[in-house]
């Protein structure tokens, strides 16, 4: 088991749900990203997703796209992000997953990328534009280096596809609660709970819900059925709102803490 799998085992034993926070690596800069990761761990975040900036992300809405452009303009690269994770590993054992379009991985080289992730201490990989049938080589390499590969299920996913995607996933299954791109839309909790329970018929792996979640009330409601709740765009939006301010880290952490408490 890697750190993600160990975390879910620990949470299950404690009858708790996972809170997973997404932030863009390098927004507003890599130093602040490191500070946010450490602060999030102290406030009770269970797993952290670091978005790898890319100029043309497929699954991301305008909030995260804008954060990617800010990070790229500040010089964020895959190598620098891996260096960031390596530095964090001297201070924290919080599970870290990278969320990246396939293009940066392809340019880096699949084998070299996975080896570099393993050296840095990356625990999981989420590639929204790479379906399981196209990810077999990357998945094999990830498995060899004890890195989880997370795959998606959406509200429109048919049962056969749910079965194949959940079988391929390691670490956890990512349920996209809304169709379309990421953003702070309103997730309809009753519908999400119904879909999560349906997915759980196909797998014993943790099912975590993301896309459109931004309030403690939504976190609490969805957490009743899901094994974990993922919040991204709302956190990134809060980071953007405090750009250039000295209290960015405490303000963002305060918001994240309100979401974490909703699961406790």
Protein backbone atom coordinates (compact mmCIF):
# COMPACT_ATOMS: atom_id res chain seq x y z
CA UNK A 1 0.00 0.00 0.00
CA UNK A 2 1.14 3.51 -0.74
CA UNK A 3 0.23 6.58 1.33
CA UNK A 4 -3.16 7.06 -0.38
CA UNK A 5 -4.22 3.46 0.22
CA UNK A 6 -2.96 3.60 3.81
CA UNK A 7 -4.90 6.80 4.41
CA UNK A 8 -8.19 5.26 3.23
CA UNK A 9 -7.55 2.16 5.36
CA UNK A 10 -6.93 4.38 8.37
CA UNK A 11 -10.04 6.46 7.68
CA UNK A 12 -12.19 3.35 7.29
CA UNK A 13 -10.99 2.02 10.63
CA UNK A 14 -11.86 5.40 12.19
CA UNK A 15 -15.21 5.51 10.36
CA UNK A 16 -14.25 8.82 8.81
CA UNK A 17 -14.44 10.24 5.29
CA UNK A 18 -11.55 11.75 3.33
CA UNK A 19 -11.31 15.44 2.57
CA UNK A 20 -9.26 15.97 -0.58
CA UNK A 21 -8.09 19.46 -1.53
CA UNK A 22 -6.99 20.47 -5.03
CA UNK A 23 -4.70 23.42 -5.67
CA UNK A 24 -2.68 24.43 -8.71
CA UNK A 25 1.04 23.94 -8.21
CA UNK A 26 2.74 27.31 -8.67
CA UNK A 27 -0.30 29.55 -8.13
CA UNK A 28 0.57 32.15 -7.01
CA UNK A 29 4.08 30.65 -6.77
CA UNK A 30 5.71 27.37 -5.74
CA UNK A 31 6.79 28.65 -2.32
CA UNK A 32 3.19 29.54 -1.44
CA UNK A 33 2.01 26.18 -2.77
CA UNK A 34 4.38 24.46 -0.32
CA UNK A 35 3.09 26.62 2.53
CA UNK A 36 -0.51 25.78 1.63
CA UNK A 37 0.21 22.03 1.55
CA UNK A 38 1.73 22.15 5.02
CA UNK A 39 -1.09 24.33 6.37
CA UNK A 40 -3.74 22.06 4.84
CA UNK A 41 -2.21 19.00 6.48
CA UNK A 42 -2.29 20.72 9.87
CA UNK A 43 -5.95 21.66 9.41
CA UNK A 44 -6.95 18.05 8.70
CA UNK A 45 -6.86 17.66 4.90
CA UNK A 46 -6.34 13.96 4.20
CA UNK A 47 -5.06 13.99 0.60
CA UNK A 48 -3.81 16.84 -1.58
CA UNK A 49 -4.10 17.02 -5.36
CA UNK A 50 -1.57 19.27 -7.07
CA UNK A 51 -2.64 20.44 -10.50
CA UNK A 52 0.14 20.42 -13.09
CA UNK A 53 -0.34 23.60 -15.16
CA UNK A 54 -1.02 23.08 -18.86
CA UNK A 55 -2.02 25.63 -21.48
CA UNK A 56 -5.01 23.65 -22.83
CA UNK A 57 -6.55 21.53 -20.06
CA UNK A 58 -9.52 19.44 -21.21
CA UNK A 59 -11.52 19.00 -18.01
CA UNK A 60 -11.01 22.32 -16.29
CA UNK A 61 -13.25 25.35 -16.25
CA UNK A 62 -12.23 29.02 -16.33
CA UNK A 63 -11.21 29.25 -12.65
CA UNK A 64 -8.60 26.50 -12.82
CA UNK A 65 -7.57 27.43 -16.37
CA UNK A 66 -6.79 30.95 -15.14
CA UNK A 67 -4.74 29.53 -12.26
CA UNK A 68 -2.78 27.37 -14.71
CA UNK A 69 -1.93 30.42 -16.80
CA UNK A 70 -0.81 32.32 -13.70
CA UNK A 71 1.41 29.42 -12.64
CA UNK A 72 2.89 29.03 -16.12
CA UNK A 73 3.62 32.75 -16.26
CA UNK A 74 5.48 32.37 -12.95
CA UNK A 75 7.65 29.64 -14.51
CA UNK A 76 6.06 26.49 -13.09
CA UNK A 77 7.26 23.32 -14.86
CA UNK A 78 6.87 19.60 -14.27
CA UNK A 79 10.45 19.36 -12.99
CA UNK A 80 9.96 22.25 -10.58
CA UNK A 81 6.71 20.74 -9.30
CA UNK A 82 8.43 17.42 -8.70
CA UNK A 83 11.15 19.33 -6.86
CA UNK A 84 8.43 20.96 -4.76
CA UNK A 85 7.04 17.54 -3.80
CA UNK A 86 10.52 16.27 -2.99
CA UNK A 87 11.05 19.24 -0.70
CA UNK A 88 7.69 18.68 0.99
CA UNK A 89 8.61 15.07 1.69
CA UNK A 90 11.25 16.32 4.15
CA UNK A 91 8.45 17.91 6.17
CA UNK A 92 5.24 15.99 5.60
CA UNK A 93 3.84 12.54 4.86
CA UNK A 94 0.47 13.81 3.61
CA UNK A 95 -0.56 11.81 0.51
CA UNK A 96 0.00 13.83 -2.67
CA UNK A 97 -1.48 13.11 -6.10
CA UNK A 98 -0.62 14.97 -9.28
CA UNK A 99 -3.49 15.89 -11.59
CA UNK A 100 -2.14 16.42 -15.09
CA UNK A 101 -3.22 16.43 -18.70
CA UNK A 102 -1.51 13.69 -20.67
CA UNK A 103 0.48 16.08 -22.86
CA UNK A 104 3.06 17.08 -20.18
CA UNK A 105 3.51 13.41 -19.28
CA UNK A 106 3.94 12.44 -22.94
CA UNK A 107 6.52 15.18 -23.45
CA UNK A 108 8.40 14.14 -20.32
CA UNK A 109 8.25 10.47 -21.33
CA UNK A 110 5.99 8.04 -19.49
CA UNK A 111 8.73 5.94 -17.91
CA UNK A 112 10.90 8.91 -16.93
CA UNK A 113 7.87 10.72 -15.55
CA UNK A 114 6.81 7.82 -13.32
CA UNK A 115 10.37 7.28 -12.10
CA UNK A 116 10.71 10.98 -11.32
CA UNK A 117 7.37 10.92 -9.47
CA UNK A 118 8.51 7.95 -7.40
CA UNK A 119 11.81 9.65 -6.52
CA UNK A 120 10.00 12.82 -5.49
CA UNK A 121 7.44 11.03 -3.32
CA UNK A 122 4.28 11.37 -5.42
CA UNK A 123 1.59 8.91 -4.31
CA UNK A 124 -1.02 9.15 -7.04
CA UNK A 125 -1.67 10.25 -10.59
CA UNK A 126 -4.89 11.59 -12.11
CA UNK A 127 -4.97 12.12 -15.89
CA UNK A 128 -8.45 13.34 -16.93
CA UNK A 129 -7.86 13.01 -20.68
CA UNK A 130 -6.38 9.49 -20.58
CA UNK A 131 -8.99 6.68 -20.43
CA UNK A 132 -7.99 3.30 -18.91
CA UNK A 133 -7.70 1.52 -22.26
CA UNK A 134 -5.12 4.10 -23.39
CA UNK A 135 -3.31 4.16 -20.04
CA UNK A 136 -2.14 0.57 -19.77
CA UNK A 137 1.58 1.28 -20.12
CA UNK A 138 1.44 4.24 -17.75
CA UNK A 139 -0.62 2.18 -15.32
CA UNK A 140 1.89 -0.68 -15.44
CA UNK A 141 4.76 1.71 -14.73
CA UNK A 142 2.82 3.37 -11.91
CA UNK A 143 2.05 0.02 -10.33
CA UNK A 144 5.72 -0.98 -10.47
CA UNK A 145 6.60 2.18 -8.54
CA UNK A 146 3.66 2.00 -6.06
CA UNK A 147 1.88 5.03 -7.49
CA UNK A 148 -1.93 4.94 -7.56
CA UNK A 149 -3.77 5.62 -10.83
CA UNK A 150 -7.15 7.28 -10.35
CA UNK A 151 -9.85 7.00 -13.02
CA UNK A 152 -13.16 8.78 -13.47
CA UNK A 153 -16.83 7.88 -13.47
CA UNK A 154 -19.43 10.48 -14.51
CA UNK A 155 -23.23 10.76 -14.17
CA UNK A 156 -23.55 9.68 -17.82
CA UNK A 157 -21.25 6.63 -17.51
CA UNK A 158 -22.95 3.37 -18.45
CA UNK A 159 -22.71 0.31 -16.20
CA UNK A 160 -20.20 -1.53 -18.38
CA UNK A 161 -17.93 1.48 -18.32
CA UNK A 162 -18.38 1.94 -14.57
CA UNK A 163 -17.21 -1.63 -14.11
CA UNK A 164 -14.10 -1.26 -16.30
CA UNK A 165 -13.09 2.14 -14.89
CA UNK A 166 -13.48 1.09 -11.27
CA UNK A 167 -11.54 -2.11 -11.93
CA UNK A 168 -8.69 -0.11 -13.47
CA UNK A 169 -8.55 2.49 -10.69
CA UNK A 170 -6.18 2.22 -7.76
CA UNK A 171 -6.15 4.50 -4.75
CA UNK A 172 -9.72 5.67 -5.28
CA UNK A 173 -12.42 6.18 -7.90
CA UNK A 174 -13.11 9.82 -8.85
CA UNK A 175 -16.81 10.46 -9.35
CA UNK A 176 -17.48 13.62 -11.36
CA UNK A 177 -20.68 14.91 -9.79
CA UNK A 178 -21.57 17.21 -12.70
CA UNK A 179 -21.26 16.96 -16.44
CA UNK A 180 -18.99 19.53 -18.08
CA UNK A 181 -15.83 21.17 -16.78
CA UNK A 182 -14.74 21.96 -13.24
CA UNK A 183 -16.19 24.97 -11.46
CA UNK A 184 -18.16 26.09 -8.44
CA UNK A 185 -21.56 25.02 -9.69
CA UNK A 186 -24.15 23.65 -7.29
CA UNK A 187 -23.86 19.92 -6.84
CA UNK A 188 -27.28 18.36 -6.15
CA UNK A 189 -26.53 16.23 -3.12
CA UNK A 190 -29.49 13.83 -3.41
CA UNK A 191 -28.61 12.97 -7.01
CA UNK A 192 -24.93 12.58 -6.14
CA UNK A 193 -25.69 10.25 -3.24
CA UNK A 194 -27.87 8.09 -5.50
CA UNK A 195 -25.10 7.81 -8.14
CA UNK A 196 -22.41 7.08 -5.54
CA UNK A 197 -24.44 4.22 -4.10
CA UNK A 198 -24.87 2.84 -7.62
CA UNK A 199 -21.11 2.99 -8.29
CA UNK A 200 -20.40 1.27 -4.98
CA UNK A 201 -22.29 -1.76 -6.27
CA UNK A 202 -19.43 -2.31 -8.72
CA UNK A 203 -16.42 -1.79 -6.44
CA UNK A 204 -15.14 -1.91 -2.88
CA UNK A 205 -12.59 0.82 -3.66
CA UNK A 206 -13.16 4.26 -2.15
CA UNK A 207 -15.45 6.47 -4.24
CA UNK A 208 -14.67 10.18 -3.92
CA UNK A 209 -16.82 12.98 -5.31
CA UNK A 210 -15.55 16.16 -6.96
CA UNK A 211 -16.67 19.00 -9.29
CA UNK A 212 -19.06 21.72 -8.15
CA UNK A 213 -18.60 21.37 -4.38
CA UNK A 214 -17.92 24.59 -2.51
CA UNK A 215 -19.87 24.80 0.78
CA UNK A 216 -19.71 22.98 4.12
CA UNK A 217 -23.35 21.95 3.63
CA UNK A 218 -22.53 20.25 0.32
CA UNK A 219 -19.47 18.56 1.83
CA UNK A 220 -21.51 17.22 4.74
CA UNK A 221 -24.37 15.97 2.56
CA UNK A 222 -22.16 14.23 0.00
CA UNK A 223 -19.90 12.84 2.71
CA UNK A 224 -22.80 10.79 4.06
CA UNK A 225 -22.53 8.44 1.07
CA UNK A 226 -19.12 9.00 -0.53
CA UNK A 227 -15.81 7.81 0.89
CA UNK A 228 -14.27 11.20 0.21
CA UNK A 229 -15.09 14.71 -0.95
CA UNK A 230 -12.88 16.68 -3.35
CA UNK A 231 -12.91 20.48 -3.49
CA UNK A 232 -10.85 22.29 -6.09
CA UNK A 233 -12.24 25.28 -7.95
CA UNK A 234 -13.64 26.91 -4.81
CA UNK A 235 -10.22 26.72 -3.11
CA UNK A 236 -8.45 28.00 -6.23
CA UNK A 237 -10.97 30.87 -6.40
CA UNK A 238 -10.19 31.75 -2.78
CA UNK A 239 -6.47 31.74 -3.56
CA UNK A 240 -7.11 34.08 -6.49
CA UNK A 241 -9.14 36.43 -4.29
CA UNK A 242 -6.17 36.84 -1.95
CA UNK A 243 -3.41 37.16 -4.55
CA UNK A 244 -0.78 39.63 -3.47
CA UNK A 245 -2.04 39.74 0.12
CA UNK A 246 0.14 38.76 3.06
CA UNK A 247 -2.68 36.77 4.65
CA UNK A 248 -3.28 34.50 1.64
CA UNK A 249 -2.24 31.27 3.37
CA UNK A 250 -4.22 31.81 6.61
CA UNK A 251 -7.31 33.02 4.74
CA UNK A 252 -7.35 30.07 2.36
CA UNK A 253 -6.61 27.65 5.19
CA UNK A 254 -9.50 29.11 7.21
CA UNK A 255 -11.87 28.41 4.33
CA UNK A 256 -10.53 24.88 3.86
CA UNK A 257 -10.83 24.25 7.60
CA UNK A 258 -14.56 25.07 7.42
CA UNK A 259 -14.97 22.38 4.77
CA UNK A 260 -12.90 19.80 6.66
CA UNK A 261 -14.98 20.33 9.81
CA UNK A 262 -18.15 19.51 7.84
CA UNK A 263 -16.88 15.93 7.43
CA UNK A 264 -15.99 15.50 11.09
